[in-house]
Amino acid sequence: YEYGNVKDLDTHFLGEDVAKRMKAVSNLYIKKTDVAVGFGDLHTEILKPDVLQAVQKMERYYKKAVRRDTISKETAAQKMVEFLDIAIIVFYENNSAKFEGAIKDAPDTQALIDLFEAVEIKEI
């Protein structure tokens, strides 16, 4: 995925790398289409909602952890970059049902973090 093409970039408390990836994840997972020509209504479809929700939960978790000084901003940014890269890869993966099921079964945000940390990315 080319992060340089991400438009309308918002600032992010964890820096530009996280901001680019968050925008990329949002662009991939949230599809907005016109319902009817001329009426201006948009239909929003969320693709693989469990993955998107997991990313959002982990982002909130790290925001609170940085604010409480339980983790450094740099470490939180590094973790989020890693998790967002995984979310982008999962979007393009056709056989992600097992991973999505594990996300759905995760009892809390720490379990989500553990799940994403267990993912190994292999180059082909």
N, C-alpha and C. Protein backbone atom coordinates (compact mmCIF):
# COMPACT_ATOMS: atom_id res chain seq x y z
N TYR A 1 0.85 -1.17 0.00
CA TYR A 1 0.00 0.00 0.00
C TYR A 1 0.89 1.23 0.00
N GLU A 2 0.60 2.20 -0.81
CA GLU A 2 1.41 3.41 -0.93
C GLU A 2 0.87 4.49 -0.01
N TYR A 3 1.57 4.78 1.07
CA TYR A 3 1.11 5.76 2.05
C TYR A 3 1.26 7.19 1.55
N GLY A 4 2.14 7.41 0.59
CA GLY A 4 2.36 8.75 0.07
C GLY A 4 1.15 9.31 -0.66
N ASN A 5 0.25 8.43 -1.12
CA ASN A 5 -0.93 8.87 -1.86
C ASN A 5 -2.12 9.19 -0.96
N VAL A 6 -1.96 9.07 0.34
CA VAL A 6 -3.07 9.31 1.26
C VAL A 6 -3.36 10.80 1.28
N LYS A 7 -4.60 11.15 0.99
CA LYS A 7 -5.01 12.56 0.92
C LYS A 7 -5.77 12.95 2.20
N ASP A 8 -5.89 14.25 2.43
CA ASP A 8 -6.64 14.80 3.56
C ASP A 8 -6.18 14.20 4.88
N LEU A 9 -4.91 14.23 5.12
CA LEU A 9 -4.31 13.61 6.30
C LEU A 9 -4.60 14.44 7.55
N ASP A 10 -5.15 13.80 8.57
CA ASP A 10 -5.37 14.44 9.86
C ASP A 10 -4.11 14.27 10.71
N THR A 11 -3.93 15.16 11.68
CA THR A 11 -2.82 14.97 12.61
C THR A 11 -3.20 13.84 13.57
N HIS A 12 -2.20 13.21 14.12
CA HIS A 12 -2.43 12.10 15.04
C HIS A 12 -1.50 12.26 16.24
N PHE A 13 -1.98 11.90 17.41
CA PHE A 13 -1.19 12.07 18.63
C PHE A 13 0.07 11.21 18.63
N LEU A 14 0.13 10.18 17.76
CA LEU A 14 1.31 9.32 17.68
C LEU A 14 2.19 9.63 16.48
N GLY A 15 1.88 10.68 15.75
CA GLY A 15 2.76 11.11 14.67
C GLY A 15 2.24 10.82 13.27
N GLU A 16 3.04 11.26 12.30
CA GLU A 16 2.63 11.20 10.90
C GLU A 16 2.53 9.78 10.35
N ASP A 17 3.44 8.89 10.75
CA ASP A 17 3.39 7.50 10.26
C ASP A 17 2.08 6.83 10.64
N VAL A 18 1.67 7.03 11.88
CA VAL A 18 0.39 6.47 12.34
C VAL A 18 -0.77 7.16 11.63
N ALA A 19 -0.68 8.47 11.45
CA ALA A 19 -1.75 9.21 10.78
C ALA A 19 -1.96 8.70 9.36
N LYS A 20 -0.86 8.48 8.63
CA LYS A 20 -0.96 7.97 7.26
C LYS A 20 -1.62 6.60 7.23
N ARG A 21 -1.20 5.75 8.14
CA ARG A 21 -1.75 4.39 8.15
C ARG A 21 -3.21 4.36 8.61
N MET A 22 -3.54 5.20 9.59
CA MET A 22 -4.94 5.27 10.04
C MET A 22 -5.84 5.72 8.89
N LYS A 23 -5.39 6.71 8.14
CA LYS A 23 -6.16 7.19 6.99
C LYS A 23 -6.26 6.10 5.93
N ALA A 24 -5.18 5.38 5.71
CA ALA A 24 -5.20 4.29 4.73
C ALA A 24 -6.18 3.20 5.16
N VAL A 25 -6.15 2.83 6.43
CA VAL A 25 -7.08 1.82 6.94
C VAL A 25 -8.52 2.31 6.79
N SER A 26 -8.75 3.54 7.14
CA SER A 26 -10.09 4.11 7.00
C SER A 26 -10.55 4.09 5.54
N ASN A 27 -9.67 4.48 4.63
CA ASN A 27 -10.01 4.48 3.20
C ASN A 27 -10.31 3.08 2.68
N LEU A 28 -9.58 2.09 3.19
CA LEU A 28 -9.79 0.71 2.74
C LEU A 28 -11.07 0.10 3.30
N TYR A 29 -11.27 0.25 4.60
CA TYR A 29 -12.34 -0.46 5.29
C TYR A 29 -13.70 0.23 5.22
N ILE A 30 -13.73 1.53 4.99
CA ILE A 30 -15.00 2.26 4.98
C ILE A 30 -15.26 2.74 3.56
N LYS A 31 -16.30 2.17 2.94
CA LYS A 31 -16.67 2.53 1.57
C LYS A 31 -17.95 3.36 1.60
N LYS A 32 -17.88 4.52 0.97
CA LYS A 32 -19.06 5.39 0.88
C LYS A 32 -19.45 5.51 -0.58
N THR A 33 -20.71 5.25 -0.86
CA THR A 33 -21.21 5.33 -2.23
C THR A 33 -22.50 6.13 -2.24
N ASP A 34 -22.78 6.79 -3.38
CA ASP A 34 -24.02 7.54 -3.53
C ASP A 34 -25.19 6.58 -3.61
N VAL A 35 -26.25 6.88 -2.87
CA VAL A 35 -27.45 6.05 -2.89
C VAL A 35 -28.26 6.33 -4.14
N ALA A 36 -28.49 7.59 -4.42
CA ALA A 36 -29.27 7.98 -5.59
C ALA A 36 -28.64 9.23 -6.20
N VAL A 37 -28.66 9.29 -7.49
CA VAL A 37 -28.08 10.43 -8.18
C VAL A 37 -28.89 11.69 -7.86
N GLY A 38 -28.19 12.74 -7.45
CA GLY A 38 -28.84 14.02 -7.23
C GLY A 38 -29.38 14.26 -5.84
N PHE A 39 -29.48 13.24 -5.01
CA PHE A 39 -30.05 13.44 -3.68
C PHE A 39 -28.99 13.67 -2.61
N GLY A 40 -27.76 13.36 -2.89
CA GLY A 40 -26.69 13.63 -1.95
C GLY A 40 -26.60 12.66 -0.79
N ASP A 41 -27.37 11.60 -0.79
CA ASP A 41 -27.29 10.62 0.28
C ASP A 41 -26.13 9.67 0.02
N LEU A 42 -25.45 9.29 1.09
CA LEU A 42 -24.35 8.35 0.99
C LEU A 42 -24.69 7.08 1.74
N HIS A 43 -24.30 5.97 1.16
CA HIS A 43 -24.42 4.67 1.83
C HIS A 43 -23.02 4.30 2.31
N THR A 44 -22.90 4.00 3.59
CA THR A 44 -21.61 3.64 4.16
C THR A 44 -21.59 2.14 4.42
N GLU A 45 -20.55 1.48 3.89
CA GLU A 45 -20.37 0.05 4.10
C GLU A 45 -19.02 -0.15 4.76
N ILE A 46 -19.00 -0.91 5.84
CA ILE A 46 -17.75 -1.20 6.52
C ILE A 46 -17.36 -2.63 6.17
N LEU A 47 -16.20 -2.76 5.54
CA LEU A 47 -15.69 -4.07 5.15
C LEU A 47 -14.84 -4.62 6.30
N LYS A 48 -15.04 -5.88 6.62
CA LYS A 48 -14.33 -6.53 7.73
C LYS A 48 -14.40 -5.68 9.01
N PRO A 49 -15.61 -5.44 9.51
CA PRO A 49 -15.79 -4.53 10.64
C PRO A 49 -15.05 -4.94 11.91
N ASP A 50 -14.85 -6.24 12.13
CA ASP A 50 -14.15 -6.67 13.34
C ASP A 50 -12.71 -6.17 13.37
N VAL A 51 -12.06 -6.18 12.22
CA VAL A 51 -10.67 -5.70 12.14
C VAL A 51 -10.63 -4.19 12.38
N LEU A 52 -11.52 -3.46 11.74
CA LEU A 52 -11.56 -2.01 11.91
C LEU A 52 -11.84 -1.65 13.37
N GLN A 53 -12.78 -2.32 13.98
CA GLN A 53 -13.11 -2.04 15.38
C GLN A 53 -11.92 -2.36 16.30
N ALA A 54 -11.19 -3.43 16.00
CA ALA A 54 -10.02 -3.79 16.80
C ALA A 54 -8.96 -2.70 16.73
N VAL A 55 -8.72 -2.18 15.52
CA VAL A 55 -7.74 -1.11 15.34
C VAL A 55 -8.17 0.12 16.14
N GLN A 56 -9.43 0.45 16.09
CA GLN A 56 -9.93 1.62 16.82
C GLN A 56 -9.81 1.43 18.33
N LYS A 57 -10.08 0.23 18.81
CA LYS A 57 -9.94 -0.05 20.25
C LYS A 57 -8.49 0.07 20.69
N MET A 58 -7.57 -0.48 19.87
CA MET A 58 -6.15 -0.41 20.23
C MET A 58 -5.65 1.03 20.19
N GLU A 59 -6.15 1.82 19.26
CA GLU A 59 -5.77 3.23 19.20
C GLU A 59 -6.20 3.96 20.48
N ARG A 60 -7.44 3.72 20.92
CA ARG A 60 -7.92 4.34 22.16
C ARG A 60 -7.10 3.87 23.36
N TYR A 61 -6.77 2.58 23.39
CA TYR A 61 -5.97 2.00 24.47
C TYR A 61 -4.62 2.72 24.58
N TYR A 62 -3.94 2.88 23.44
CA TYR A 62 -2.62 3.52 23.45
C TYR A 62 -2.71 5.01 23.76
N LYS A 63 -3.78 5.64 23.34
CA LYS A 63 -3.97 7.06 23.66
C LYS A 63 -4.06 7.25 25.17
N LYS A 64 -4.85 6.40 25.83
CA LYS A 64 -4.97 6.47 27.29
C LYS A 64 -3.66 6.10 27.97
N ALA A 65 -2.97 5.08 27.45
CA ALA A 65 -1.72 4.64 28.06
C ALA A 65 -0.64 5.72 27.98
N VAL A 66 -0.57 6.42 26.85
CA VAL A 66 0.40 7.52 26.71
C VAL A 66 0.04 8.65 27.66
N ARG A 67 -1.23 8.97 27.74
CA ARG A 67 -1.68 10.06 28.62
C ARG A 67 -1.37 9.73 30.09
N ARG A 68 -1.48 8.45 30.46
CA ARG A 68 -1.22 8.03 31.85
C ARG A 68 0.25 7.72 32.10
N ASP A 69 1.10 7.88 31.08
CA ASP A 69 2.53 7.58 31.17
C ASP A 69 2.83 6.13 31.52
N THR A 70 1.98 5.21 31.06
CA THR A 70 2.27 3.79 31.28
C THR A 70 3.03 3.19 30.09
N ILE A 71 3.15 3.97 29.00
CA ILE A 71 3.91 3.56 27.83
C ILE A 71 4.43 4.83 27.16
N SER A 72 5.59 4.74 26.55
CA SER A 72 6.13 5.93 25.88
C SER A 72 5.39 6.15 24.56
N LYS A 73 5.39 7.39 24.14
CA LYS A 73 4.74 7.75 22.87
C LYS A 73 5.40 7.01 21.70
N GLU A 74 6.72 6.87 21.76
CA GLU A 74 7.46 6.20 20.69
C GLU A 74 7.09 4.72 20.60
N THR A 75 6.99 4.05 21.75
CA THR A 75 6.63 2.64 21.77
C THR A 75 5.21 2.45 21.28
N ALA A 76 4.31 3.31 21.72
CA ALA A 76 2.91 3.22 21.28
C ALA A 76 2.81 3.43 19.77
N ALA A 77 3.57 4.39 19.25
CA ALA A 77 3.56 4.65 17.80
C ALA A 77 4.10 3.45 17.04
N GLN A 78 5.17 2.86 17.54
CA GLN A 78 5.75 1.68 16.89
C GLN A 78 4.75 0.53 16.86
N LYS A 79 4.07 0.29 17.96
CA LYS A 79 3.07 -0.79 18.02
C LYS A 79 1.92 -0.51 17.06
N MET A 80 1.42 0.72 17.06
CA MET A 80 0.29 1.05 16.18
C MET A 80 0.67 0.93 14.71
N VAL A 81 1.87 1.34 14.34
CA VAL A 81 2.33 1.18 12.95
C VAL A 81 2.30 -0.30 12.57
N GLU A 82 2.82 -1.14 13.46
CA GLU A 82 2.83 -2.58 13.22
C GLU A 82 1.41 -3.13 13.07
N PHE A 83 0.52 -2.73 13.97
CA PHE A 83 -0.86 -3.25 13.94
C PHE A 83 -1.62 -2.73 12.73
N LEU A 84 -1.38 -1.49 12.35
CA LEU A 84 -2.06 -0.93 11.18
C LEU A 84 -1.56 -1.59 9.89
N ASP A 85 -0.27 -1.91 9.83
CA ASP A 85 0.24 -2.66 8.68
C ASP A 85 -0.43 -4.03 8.58
N ILE A 86 -0.63 -4.67 9.72
CA ILE A 86 -1.32 -5.97 9.73
C ILE A 86 -2.75 -5.79 9.25
N ALA A 87 -3.43 -4.75 9.70
CA ALA A 87 -4.82 -4.50 9.27
C ALA A 87 -4.89 -4.29 7.77
N ILE A 88 -3.91 -3.61 7.20
CA ILE A 88 -3.89 -3.38 5.75
C ILE A 88 -3.68 -4.70 5.02
N ILE A 89 -2.79 -5.53 5.51
CA ILE A 89 -2.55 -6.84 4.89
C ILE A 89 -3.79 -7.71 4.99
N VAL A 90 -4.44 -7.72 6.15
CA VAL A 90 -5.65 -8.53 6.35
C VAL A 90 -6.76 -8.10 5.40
N PHE A 91 -6.83 -6.81 5.10
CA PHE A 91 -7.86 -6.33 4.17
C PHE A 91 -7.75 -7.05 2.82
N TYR A 92 -6.53 -7.24 2.36
CA TYR A 92 -6.32 -7.87 1.06
C TYR A 92 -6.31 -9.40 1.12
N GLU A 93 -6.34 -9.95 2.31
CA GLU A 93 -6.32 -11.40 2.49
C GLU A 93 -7.73 -11.97 2.36
N ASN A 94 -7.91 -12.89 1.43
CA ASN A 94 -9.24 -13.50 1.23
C ASN A 94 -9.58 -14.51 2.32
N ASN A 95 -8.56 -15.11 2.89
CA ASN A 95 -8.78 -16.17 3.88
C ASN A 95 -8.51 -15.64 5.29
N SER A 96 -9.25 -14.62 5.71
CA SER A 96 -9.01 -14.00 7.02
C SER A 96 -10.11 -14.30 8.04
N ALA A 97 -11.01 -15.20 7.71
CA ALA A 97 -12.15 -15.47 8.60
C ALA A 97 -11.70 -15.97 9.97
N LYS A 98 -10.68 -16.80 10.02
CA LYS A 98 -10.19 -17.34 11.29
C LYS A 98 -9.63 -16.21 12.17
N PHE A 99 -8.86 -15.32 11.56
CA PHE A 99 -8.30 -14.18 12.28
C PHE A 99 -9.41 -13.25 12.76
N GLU A 100 -10.39 -12.98 11.90
CA GLU A 100 -11.51 -12.12 12.27
C GLU A 100 -12.32 -12.75 13.40
N GLY A 101 -12.46 -14.07 13.38
CA GLY A 101 -13.16 -14.77 14.46
C GLY A 101 -12.41 -14.64 15.78
N ALA A 102 -11.09 -14.73 15.71
CA ALA A 102 -10.27 -14.57 16.92
C ALA A 102 -10.39 -13.16 17.47
N ILE A 103 -10.49 -12.18 16.58
CA ILE A 103 -10.70 -10.79 17.02
C ILE A 103 -12.04 -10.67 17.73
N LYS A 104 -13.06 -11.25 17.14
CA LYS A 104 -14.40 -11.18 17.71
C LYS A 104 -14.46 -11.84 19.09
N ASP A 105 -13.67 -12.91 19.27
CA ASP A 105 -13.67 -13.66 20.53
C ASP A 105 -12.77 -13.04 21.61
N ALA A 106 -11.97 -12.04 21.24
CA ALA A 106 -11.06 -11.43 22.21
C ALA A 106 -11.87 -10.72 23.30
N PRO A 107 -11.61 -11.06 24.56
CA PRO A 107 -12.41 -10.50 25.65
C PRO A 107 -12.12 -9.03 25.97
N ASP A 108 -10.91 -8.56 25.63
CA ASP A 108 -10.57 -7.17 25.96
C ASP A 108 -9.48 -6.67 25.00
N THR A 109 -9.11 -5.43 25.18
CA THR A 109 -8.14 -4.81 24.28
C THR A 109 -6.76 -5.46 24.41
N GLN A 110 -6.37 -5.85 25.61
CA GLN A 110 -5.07 -6.51 25.77
C GLN A 110 -5.04 -7.82 24.98
N ALA A 111 -6.15 -8.54 24.94
CA ALA A 111 -6.21 -9.77 24.14
C ALA A 111 -6.07 -9.46 22.65
N LEU A 112 -6.64 -8.34 22.21
CA LEU A 112 -6.47 -7.91 20.82
C LEU A 112 -5.00 -7.61 20.52
N ILE A 113 -4.36 -6.90 21.43
CA ILE A 113 -2.95 -6.57 21.25
C ILE A 113 -2.12 -7.85 21.18
N ASP A 114 -2.39 -8.79 22.08
CA ASP A 114 -1.67 -10.07 22.06
C ASP A 114 -1.89 -10.80 20.74
N LEU A 115 -3.11 -10.76 20.23
CA LEU A 115 -3.43 -11.41 18.97
C LEU A 115 -2.66 -10.77 17.81
N PHE A 116 -2.66 -9.45 17.74
CA PHE A 116 -1.95 -8.77 16.66
C PHE A 116 -0.44 -8.97 16.79
N GLU A 117 0.06 -9.03 18.03
CA GLU A 117 1.50 -9.26 18.23
C GLU A 117 1.91 -10.67 17.81
N ALA A 118 0.98 -11.61 17.83
CA ALA A 118 1.28 -12.99 17.44
C ALA A 118 1.32 -13.18 15.92
N VAL A 119 0.86 -12.21 15.18
CA VAL A 119 0.85 -12.31 13.72
C VAL A 119 2.26 -12.19 13.18
N GLU A 120 2.62 -13.13 12.30
CA GLU A 120 3.91 -13.08 11.61
C GLU A 120 3.66 -12.72 10.16
N ILE A 121 4.32 -11.67 9.71
CA ILE A 121 4.20 -11.26 8.31
C ILE A 121 5.35 -11.89 7.54
N LYS A 122 5.01 -12.69 6.54
CA LYS A 122 6.03 -13.37 5.73
C LYS A 122 6.00 -12.79 4.33
N GLU A 123 7.16 -12.47 3.84
CA GLU A 123 7.27 -11.96 2.47
C GLU A 123 7.25 -13.12 1.50
N ILE A 124 6.59 -12.88 0.38
CA ILE A 124 6.49 -13.95 -0.63
C ILE A 124 7.54 -13.74 -1.69
